[in-house]
Amino acid sequence: MANRVKQLADMHIGRHLTYTDSDRRADEARGARDGEKNFPPLDAPQNPVQDQVLAQATADFAAYEKARLSHLAELEQGEQQKLKERDEELVNRRTGLQDERQRTLHDLSHKVGPDSPQFRDLVERRTEAVAALGKLEAELARPLRVSLVWAYPFLMLLVCLAEVPVNRMAFEFFFQETPLLSLFISLVIGGVLALFAHFIGLWLKQANRHERMGARLSYYAGALVLAGLSGALVYFIAAMRQHFLALLEADAGTSFADLLRQGDLTATAAQVTSTELGSAGWTLLVINLVILTVGVVASFVRHDPHPDYEPLSRKADKARARVTKREADYNKQRVQAARKYDDMIAALNRQIERLEKEIAEIQAGRKAAAADYEQSLRQLGMTSHNRLINYRNGNLRARTDGTPACLREVPSALQISAQVQRAVRG
């Protein structure tokens, strides 16, 4: 913008903006030539050279001023267009996006965020669960005592599966014709024994929370009943295998179907239970008891003495996890929504910044045009004054008839500048 003003000045009044020694010598030589001719006459009211210099300066400056004003009008028009684009288009669009962003985040908060009914309900449930857990923890004055939390289900599954190959040996003798049935029965018995081990260990552990023996008796009684059932079951399995081994020694062709033809199941069961265990039966019994004991110990170590402590702790953890997940989901949606609007607003801000730079350049150009006007006017007055002074000096040195009245005074640079400015402005 500023360069354009300099170009206009150089184009229209460039010869008035510099005054070299060569220019000075040329004006003195012109004055000397006229002086040798005694021109202008002594009684001349006006100096024709002065009129010529001032007329030329005025005409050139008028052309410059016309071009400068035209350039300023273009700058002002461009500035108004950019101000309109910035204020009426980009700024309004940015304000609309900011309002829409605020409404979107507000709606999101009331839909899935902290202001939504579901979120408040989750927070309330978390508060209640944590309060209930804290109350029980304060009453017990101890932390939750559990072990093998993640490993316990696998341990009990191993207990169940470990019973299968052990007991299957007993049932395969009875169900030679249907091995799948013996496998199924072994699996069911393994599950039953694992379940008994679970409750035996659990009740023994929960009995420890009571200080009075009377309160513990019910737990011990339940554990004792399950232990008795478990012992009876594994003994029956061992006896059944021992009994069938004895039958096989007597008659190798005996099967479960033969036993059914020999008598009813009650009689067969009585024969089994009356069988004295041998080495094979005791081995099977001991293995079953060891596996059962492992399950009982795992259950005892796994559980806390208080039956409500772990459920309350698990409930509080789940309540916290639900709130945390909802917060994470809300924050993720909020960030995505905010980023979408922030990107659009940032793009508008870049456009606004670009326009503001262009507006600042235009304003700087207008300021430079105003400053160049004053500077060029002063320089034009100084150059014209120097031309007239040097013409006068050359003229007076070459004259022989005296000093003409029109050459006695030369207008100052300020006077010339003011005269040109008045002429140009009309």
Protein backbone atom coordinates (compact mmCIF):
# COMPACT_ATOMS: atom_id res chain seq x y z
CA MET A 1 0.00 0.00 0.00
CA ALA A 2 2.73 2.49 0.98
CA ASN A 3 4.72 1.55 -2.12
CA ARG A 4 1.75 2.46 -4.30
CA VAL A 5 1.70 5.99 -2.85
CA LYS A 6 5.42 6.35 -3.56
CA GLN A 7 4.82 5.13 -7.09
CA LEU A 8 2.10 7.74 -7.64
CA ALA A 9 4.32 10.50 -6.28
CA ASP A 10 7.22 9.40 -8.47
CA MET A 11 4.93 9.17 -11.47
CA HIS A 12 3.42 12.67 -11.19
CA ILE A 13 5.79 14.86 -9.15
CA GLY A 14 8.99 12.87 -9.24
CA ARG A 15 10.96 15.75 -10.80
CA HIS A 16 9.91 18.04 -7.95
CA LEU A 17 11.06 15.69 -5.20
CA THR A 18 14.82 15.88 -5.87
CA TYR A 19 17.14 18.75 -6.68
CA THR A 20 20.68 17.86 -7.72
CA ASP A 21 23.76 19.96 -8.51
CA SER A 22 23.06 19.38 -12.16
CA ASP A 23 19.58 20.86 -11.70
CA ARG A 24 21.09 23.83 -9.86
CA ARG A 25 23.61 24.51 -12.66
CA ALA A 26 20.88 24.26 -15.27
CA ASP A 27 18.69 26.84 -13.44
CA GLU A 28 21.67 29.20 -12.97
CA ALA A 29 22.58 28.83 -16.64
CA ARG A 30 19.03 29.64 -17.68
CA GLY A 31 19.03 32.67 -15.43
CA ALA A 32 22.36 33.82 -16.85
CA ARG A 33 21.10 33.52 -20.42
CA ASP A 34 18.05 35.60 -19.59
CA GLY A 35 20.22 38.05 -17.62
CA GLU A 36 22.50 38.62 -20.57
CA LYS A 37 19.39 39.70 -22.48
CA ASN A 38 18.33 41.86 -19.51
CA PHE A 39 15.22 39.68 -19.19
CA PRO A 40 12.91 40.19 -17.50
CA PRO A 41 12.79 43.98 -17.85
CA LEU A 42 13.41 46.14 -14.81
CA ASP A 43 9.81 47.28 -14.66
CA ALA A 44 8.25 43.79 -15.22
CA PRO A 45 5.58 43.28 -12.53
CA GLN A 46 5.85 39.45 -12.67
CA ASN A 47 8.64 37.00 -13.22
CA PRO A 48 7.55 34.80 -16.15
CA VAL A 49 9.92 32.03 -15.06
CA GLN A 50 8.42 32.05 -11.57
CA ASP A 51 4.95 31.85 -13.05
CA GLN A 52 6.07 29.00 -15.25
CA VAL A 53 7.74 27.06 -12.41
CA LEU A 54 4.75 27.51 -10.10
CA ALA A 55 2.27 26.61 -12.83
CA GLN A 56 4.17 23.48 -13.66
CA ALA A 57 4.46 22.52 -9.97
CA THR A 58 0.75 23.19 -9.44
CA ALA A 59 -0.29 21.16 -12.48
CA ASP A 60 1.93 18.23 -11.53
CA PHE A 61 0.81 18.28 -7.91
CA ALA A 62 -2.83 18.48 -9.00
CA ALA A 63 -2.36 15.32 -11.08
CA TYR A 64 -0.65 13.65 -8.13
CA GLU A 65 -3.40 14.72 -5.75
CA LYS A 66 -6.07 13.40 -8.09
CA ALA A 67 -4.33 10.01 -8.32
CA ARG A 68 -3.71 10.00 -4.55
CA LEU A 69 -7.35 10.72 -3.74
CA SER A 70 -8.45 8.04 -6.20
CA HIS A 71 -6.10 5.59 -4.48
CA LEU A 72 -7.43 6.63 -1.06
CA ALA A 73 -11.00 6.08 -2.27
CA GLU A 74 -10.06 2.59 -3.44
CA LEU A 75 -8.42 1.92 -0.09
CA GLU A 76 -11.45 3.16 1.81
CA GLN A 77 -13.79 1.09 -0.33
CA GLY A 78 -11.64 -1.98 0.17
CA GLU A 79 -11.47 -1.34 3.90
CA GLN A 80 -15.25 -1.00 4.16
CA GLN A 81 -15.75 -4.23 2.23
CA LYS A 82 -13.33 -6.11 4.47
CA LEU A 83 -14.84 -4.58 7.63
CA LYS A 84 -18.26 -5.66 6.42
CA GLU A 85 -17.01 -9.16 5.62
CA ARG A 86 -15.37 -9.39 9.02
CA ASP A 87 -18.15 -7.92 11.17
CA GLU A 88 -21.31 -8.91 9.31
CA GLU A 89 -20.23 -12.31 8.00
CA LEU A 90 -17.31 -13.91 9.79
CA VAL A 91 -17.85 -12.45 13.26
CA ASN A 92 -21.59 -13.19 13.12
CA ARG A 93 -20.92 -16.72 11.94
CA ARG A 94 -18.40 -17.18 14.73
CA THR A 95 -20.88 -15.86 17.29
CA GLY A 96 -23.52 -18.24 15.93
CA LEU A 97 -21.12 -21.18 16.17
CA GLN A 98 -20.18 -20.20 19.72
CA ASP A 99 -23.85 -20.07 20.69
CA GLU A 100 -24.52 -23.40 18.98
CA ARG A 101 -21.49 -24.93 20.71
CA GLN A 102 -22.77 -23.77 24.07
CA ARG A 103 -26.27 -25.14 23.39
CA THR A 104 -24.84 -28.48 22.21
CA LEU A 105 -22.70 -28.90 25.32
CA HIS A 106 -25.63 -27.84 27.51
CA ASP A 107 -27.94 -30.38 25.86
CA LEU A 108 -25.27 -33.09 26.07
CA SER A 109 -24.82 -32.45 29.78
CA HIS A 110 -28.57 -32.78 30.37
CA LYS A 111 -28.85 -35.82 28.11
CA VAL A 112 -25.94 -38.03 29.21
CA GLY A 113 -23.80 -35.80 31.43
CA PRO A 114 -23.85 -34.75 35.09
CA ASP A 115 -27.19 -32.96 34.70
CA SER A 116 -29.01 -35.99 33.26
CA PRO A 117 -31.39 -38.06 35.44
CA GLN A 118 -29.50 -41.28 34.65
CA PHE A 119 -26.18 -39.76 35.71
CA ARG A 120 -27.62 -38.39 38.93
CA ASP A 121 -29.19 -41.77 39.68
CA LEU A 122 -25.82 -43.49 39.19
CA VAL A 123 -24.12 -40.96 41.44
CA GLU A 124 -26.82 -41.44 44.07
CA ARG A 125 -26.43 -45.22 43.93
CA ARG A 126 -22.68 -44.88 44.22
CA THR A 127 -23.08 -42.61 47.24
CA GLU A 128 -25.43 -45.07 48.91
CA ALA A 129 -23.21 -48.08 48.17
CA VAL A 130 -20.07 -46.34 49.37
CA ALA A 131 -21.87 -45.14 52.52
CA ALA A 132 -23.14 -48.65 53.31
CA LEU A 133 -19.66 -50.09 52.78
CA GLY A 134 -18.10 -47.38 54.91
CA LYS A 135 -20.59 -48.01 57.71
CA LEU A 136 -19.86 -51.75 57.77
CA GLU A 137 -16.11 -51.14 57.54
CA ALA A 138 -16.34 -48.76 60.50
CA GLU A 139 -18.27 -51.34 62.49
CA LEU A 140 -15.77 -54.12 61.75
CA ALA A 141 -12.75 -51.83 62.10
CA ARG A 142 -10.80 -53.86 59.54
CA PRO A 143 -10.32 -54.06 55.78
CA LEU A 144 -11.88 -56.68 53.55
CA ARG A 145 -10.03 -59.99 53.91
CA VAL A 146 -10.29 -62.00 50.74
CA SER A 147 -7.74 -63.90 48.71
CA LEU A 148 -7.56 -65.77 45.42
CA VAL A 149 -10.43 -63.64 44.10
CA TRP A 150 -9.68 -64.23 40.43
CA ALA A 151 -8.05 -67.63 40.85
CA TYR A 152 -10.81 -69.12 43.00
CA PRO A 153 -13.31 -70.01 40.21
CA PHE A 154 -10.51 -71.76 38.32
CA LEU A 155 -9.41 -73.61 41.45
CA MET A 156 -12.94 -74.89 42.09
CA LEU A 157 -13.26 -75.85 38.44
CA LEU A 158 -10.03 -77.82 38.79
CA VAL A 159 -11.42 -79.50 41.91
CA CYS A 160 -14.52 -80.49 39.95
CA LEU A 161 -12.52 -81.74 36.96
CA ALA A 162 -9.97 -83.52 39.16
CA GLU A 163 -12.79 -85.63 40.60
CA VAL A 164 -13.80 -86.83 37.15
CA PRO A 165 -10.85 -89.09 36.22
CA VAL A 166 -10.60 -90.38 39.79
CA ASN A 167 -14.25 -91.38 40.16
CA ARG A 168 -14.69 -92.46 36.57
CA MET A 169 -12.60 -95.51 37.30
CA ALA A 170 -15.25 -96.60 39.79
CA PHE A 171 -18.20 -96.05 37.48
CA GLU A 172 -16.62 -97.52 34.37
CA PHE A 173 -16.76 -100.94 35.99
CA PHE A 174 -20.53 -100.62 36.40
CA PHE A 175 -21.25 -98.93 33.08
CA GLN A 176 -19.00 -100.78 30.70
CA GLU A 177 -21.64 -100.70 27.99
CA THR A 178 -22.10 -96.87 28.22
CA PRO A 179 -18.79 -95.09 29.02
CA LEU A 180 -20.38 -91.68 28.34
CA LEU A 181 -22.80 -92.30 31.19
CA SER A 182 -19.94 -93.03 33.58
CA LEU A 183 -18.24 -89.81 32.45
CA PHE A 184 -21.41 -87.81 33.01
CA ILE A 185 -21.98 -89.26 36.48
CA SER A 186 -18.36 -88.59 37.42
CA LEU A 187 -18.72 -84.98 36.27
CA VAL A 188 -21.92 -84.51 38.28
CA ILE A 189 -20.32 -85.98 41.41
CA GLY A 190 -17.26 -83.78 40.88
CA GLY A 191 -19.52 -80.72 40.71
CA VAL A 192 -21.39 -81.80 43.85
CA LEU A 193 -18.18 -82.34 45.80
CA ALA A 194 -16.78 -78.97 44.61
CA LEU A 195 -20.05 -77.32 45.74
CA PHE A 196 -19.86 -79.07 49.12
CA ALA A 197 -16.22 -77.94 49.49
CA HIS A 198 -17.24 -74.38 48.70
CA PHE A 199 -19.93 -74.22 51.37
CA ILE A 200 -17.89 -76.12 53.98
CA GLY A 201 -14.99 -73.64 53.66
CA LEU A 202 -17.37 -70.66 53.51
CA TRP A 203 -19.32 -71.64 56.64
CA LEU A 204 -16.18 -72.42 58.58
CA LYS A 205 -14.80 -68.99 57.67
CA GLN A 206 -18.05 -67.17 58.48
CA ALA A 207 -18.24 -68.89 61.86
CA ASN A 208 -15.10 -66.96 62.88
CA ARG A 209 -16.92 -63.63 62.85
CA HIS A 210 -18.89 -64.61 65.95
CA GLU A 211 -17.21 -64.46 69.36
CA ARG A 212 -19.72 -66.70 71.15
CA MET A 213 -19.57 -70.39 70.47
CA GLY A 214 -23.36 -70.61 70.49
CA ALA A 215 -23.52 -68.37 67.44
CA ARG A 216 -20.93 -70.48 65.68
CA LEU A 217 -22.70 -73.81 66.18
CA SER A 218 -25.12 -73.39 63.30
CA TYR A 219 -22.21 -72.82 60.88
CA TYR A 220 -20.25 -75.73 62.28
CA ALA A 221 -23.33 -77.95 62.10
CA GLY A 222 -23.93 -77.08 58.45
CA ALA A 223 -20.30 -77.67 57.59
CA LEU A 224 -20.35 -80.96 59.50
CA VAL A 225 -23.45 -82.15 57.65
CA LEU A 226 -21.88 -81.39 54.26
CA ALA A 227 -18.62 -82.95 55.35
CA GLY A 228 -20.52 -86.09 56.39
CA LEU A 229 -22.37 -86.22 53.09
CA SER A 230 -19.12 -85.72 51.22
CA GLY A 231 -17.40 -88.45 53.22
CA ALA A 232 -20.30 -90.83 52.72
CA LEU A 233 -20.32 -90.14 49.00
CA VAL A 234 -16.60 -90.70 48.47
CA TYR A 235 -16.74 -93.81 50.69
CA PHE A 236 -19.63 -95.21 48.67
CA ILE A 237 -17.70 -94.59 45.44
CA ALA A 238 -14.64 -96.34 46.83
CA ALA A 239 -16.74 -99.22 48.15
CA MET A 240 -18.54 -99.52 44.82
CA ARG A 241 -15.25 -99.87 42.99
CA GLN A 242 -13.97 -102.36 45.58
CA HIS A 243 -17.16 -104.40 45.34
CA PHE A 244 -17.07 -104.59 41.60
CA LEU A 245 -13.42 -105.56 41.61
CA ALA A 246 -14.38 -108.49 43.86
CA LEU A 247 -17.14 -109.48 41.40
CA LEU A 248 -14.71 -109.32 38.53
CA GLU A 249 -12.33 -111.66 40.33
CA ALA A 250 -15.17 -114.13 40.82
CA ASP A 251 -16.71 -113.79 37.34
CA ALA A 252 -14.97 -111.77 34.61
CA GLY A 253 -18.15 -111.46 32.58
CA THR A 254 -20.18 -109.59 35.17
CA SER A 255 -21.63 -106.22 34.12
CA PHE A 256 -24.09 -103.72 35.51
CA ALA A 257 -26.91 -105.42 33.63
CA ASP A 258 -26.00 -108.73 35.30
CA LEU A 259 -26.19 -107.07 38.72
CA LEU A 260 -29.65 -105.73 37.93
CA ARG A 261 -30.82 -109.24 36.96
CA GLN A 262 -29.41 -110.62 40.19
CA GLY A 263 -31.44 -108.28 42.37
CA ASP A 264 -32.80 -104.78 42.85
CA LEU A 265 -30.73 -101.63 43.34
CA THR A 266 -31.36 -101.58 47.09
CA ALA A 267 -29.84 -104.99 47.53
CA THR A 268 -26.91 -104.04 45.31
CA ALA A 269 -26.34 -100.83 47.31
CA ALA A 270 -26.41 -102.83 50.54
CA GLN A 271 -23.81 -105.21 49.17
CA VAL A 272 -21.64 -102.26 48.09
CA THR A 273 -21.74 -100.51 51.47
CA SER A 274 -20.93 -103.75 53.29
CA THR A 275 -17.83 -104.28 51.19
CA GLU A 276 -14.58 -103.95 53.11
CA LEU A 277 -12.18 -101.54 51.37
CA GLY A 278 -8.96 -102.84 50.02
CA SER A 279 -5.91 -100.98 48.76
CA ALA A 280 -7.70 -99.82 45.59
CA GLY A 281 -10.72 -98.56 47.55
CA TRP A 282 -8.62 -96.76 50.18
CA THR A 283 -6.52 -95.14 47.47
CA LEU A 284 -9.63 -93.86 45.73
CA LEU A 285 -11.06 -92.63 49.05
CA VAL A 286 -7.88 -90.79 50.06
CA ILE A 287 -7.55 -89.11 46.65
CA ASN A 288 -11.15 -87.91 46.82
CA LEU A 289 -10.65 -86.61 50.36
CA VAL A 290 -7.46 -84.78 49.37
CA ILE A 291 -9.19 -83.10 46.42
CA LEU A 292 -12.14 -82.23 48.65
CA THR A 293 -9.77 -80.79 51.29
CA VAL A 294 -8.08 -78.62 48.66
CA GLY A 295 -11.48 -77.21 47.74
CA VAL A 296 -12.37 -76.57 51.39
CA VAL A 297 -9.07 -74.78 52.06
CA ALA A 298 -9.44 -72.69 48.89
CA SER A 299 -12.96 -71.69 49.94
CA PHE A 300 -11.82 -70.87 53.48
CA VAL A 301 -8.98 -68.66 52.24
CA ARG A 302 -11.09 -67.04 49.54
CA HIS A 303 -13.94 -65.61 51.62
CA ASP A 304 -14.26 -62.87 54.22
CA PRO A 305 -15.79 -63.88 57.58
CA HIS A 306 -18.62 -61.35 57.26
CA PRO A 307 -21.15 -62.44 54.61
CA ASP A 308 -22.11 -58.86 53.67
CA TYR A 309 -18.65 -57.30 53.50
CA GLU A 310 -17.59 -58.53 50.07
CA PRO A 311 -21.03 -58.06 48.42
CA LEU A 312 -21.13 -54.46 49.69
CA SER A 313 -17.56 -53.89 48.50
CA ARG A 314 -18.36 -55.40 45.11
CA LYS A 315 -21.52 -53.30 44.88
CA ALA A 316 -19.59 -50.12 45.72
CA ASP A 317 -16.91 -50.98 43.14
CA LYS A 318 -19.55 -51.60 40.47
CA ALA A 319 -21.30 -48.34 41.37
CA ARG A 320 -18.03 -46.44 41.09
CA ALA A 321 -17.22 -48.18 37.81
CA ARG A 322 -20.61 -47.26 36.36
CA VAL A 323 -20.16 -43.61 37.28
CA THR A 324 -16.62 -43.61 35.94
CA LYS A 325 -17.73 -45.20 32.67
CA ARG A 326 -20.58 -42.72 32.29
CA GLU A 327 -18.19 -39.85 32.99
CA ALA A 328 -15.73 -41.22 30.43
CA ASP A 329 -18.49 -41.61 27.81
CA TYR A 330 -19.77 -38.11 28.53
CA ASN A 331 -16.28 -36.59 28.39
CA LYS A 332 -15.56 -38.39 25.13
CA GLN A 333 -18.77 -37.11 23.52
CA ARG A 334 -18.17 -33.65 24.96
CA VAL A 335 -14.63 -33.50 23.60
CA GLN A 336 -15.79 -34.68 20.17
CA ALA A 337 -18.62 -32.12 20.06
CA ALA A 338 -16.40 -29.32 21.35
CA ARG A 339 -13.60 -30.20 18.91
CA LYS A 340 -15.98 -30.05 15.96
CA TYR A 341 -17.08 -26.53 16.83
CA ASP A 342 -13.61 -25.44 17.95
CA ASP A 343 -12.18 -26.46 14.57
CA MET A 344 -14.82 -24.43 12.73
CA ILE A 345 -14.36 -21.46 15.07
CA ALA A 346 -10.58 -21.69 14.68
CA ALA A 347 -10.97 -21.61 10.88
CA LEU A 348 -13.13 -18.48 11.16
CA ASN A 349 -10.60 -16.93 13.54
CA ARG A 350 -7.87 -17.48 10.97
CA GLN A 351 -10.00 -15.81 8.31
CA ILE A 352 -10.75 -12.92 10.68
CA GLU A 353 -7.05 -12.56 11.50
CA ARG A 354 -6.23 -12.52 7.79
CA LEU A 355 -8.82 -9.83 7.17
CA GLU A 356 -7.61 -7.80 10.13
CA LYS A 357 -4.07 -7.90 8.74
CA GLU A 358 -5.36 -6.73 5.38
CA ILE A 359 -7.39 -3.99 7.08
CA ALA A 360 -4.32 -2.94 9.06
CA GLU A 361 -2.32 -2.80 5.81
CA ILE A 362 -5.01 -0.63 4.21
CA GLN A 363 -5.08 1.70 7.21
CA ALA A 364 -1.29 1.88 7.14
CA GLY A 365 -1.51 2.70 3.42
CA ARG A 366 -3.99 5.50 4.09
CA LYS A 367 -1.79 6.86 6.84
CA ALA A 368 1.23 6.65 4.55
CA ALA A 369 -0.72 8.44 1.81
CA ALA A 370 -1.56 11.28 4.19
CA ALA A 371 2.04 11.53 5.40
CA ASP A 372 3.38 11.41 1.83
CA TYR A 373 1.05 14.26 0.85
CA GLU A 374 2.56 16.59 3.44
CA GLN A 375 6.10 15.44 2.72
CA SER A 376 5.69 15.74 -1.05
CA LEU A 377 4.10 19.18 -0.73
CA ARG A 378 7.00 20.43 1.41
CA GLN A 379 9.58 18.91 -0.93
CA LEU A 380 7.84 20.41 -3.96
CA GLY A 381 7.90 23.87 -2.32
CA MET A 382 11.57 23.49 -1.43
CA THR A 383 12.54 22.35 -4.93
CA SER A 384 10.57 25.17 -6.58
CA HIS A 385 12.10 27.72 -4.21
CA ASN A 386 15.62 26.44 -4.97
CA ARG A 387 14.97 26.64 -8.72
CA LEU A 388 13.78 30.24 -8.44
CA ILE A 389 16.68 31.23 -6.16
CA ASN A 390 19.28 29.73 -8.49
CA TYR A 391 17.61 31.26 -11.54
CA ARG A 392 17.64 34.68 -9.78
CA ASN A 393 21.31 34.31 -8.82
CA GLY A 394 22.37 33.43 -12.37
CA ASN A 395 20.19 36.18 -13.83
CA LEU A 396 21.53 38.95 -11.53
CA ARG A 397 25.16 37.97 -12.10
CA ALA A 398 24.75 38.25 -15.86
CA ARG A 399 22.67 41.48 -15.92
CA THR A 400 24.12 44.90 -16.58
CA ASP A 401 21.04 47.08 -16.05
CA GLY A 402 20.31 46.48 -12.36
CA THR A 403 17.85 44.40 -10.40
CA PRO A 404 14.29 44.01 -11.73
CA ALA A 405 11.52 44.53 -9.18
CA CYS A 406 10.15 41.01 -9.85
CA LEU A 407 13.46 39.43 -8.83
CA ARG A 408 13.97 41.34 -5.61
CA GLU A 409 11.96 38.79 -3.61
CA VAL A 410 11.57 35.06 -4.15
CA PRO A 411 8.65 33.30 -2.38
CA SER A 412 9.73 30.93 0.38
CA ALA A 413 9.23 27.19 0.22
CA LEU A 414 6.34 27.45 2.68
CA GLN A 415 4.70 30.18 0.61
CA ILE A 416 5.05 28.12 -2.55
CA SER A 417 3.64 25.01 -0.82
CA ALA A 418 0.68 26.97 0.51
CA GLN A 419 0.02 28.55 -2.91
CA VAL A 420 0.12 25.16 -4.67
CA GLN A 421 -2.14 23.62 -2.01
CA ARG A 422 -4.71 26.44 -2.39
CA ALA A 423 -4.62 26.12 -6.16
CA VAL A 424 -5.07 22.36 -6.09
CA ARG A 425 -7.89 22.41 -3.56
CA GLY A 426 -9.60 25.28 -5.36
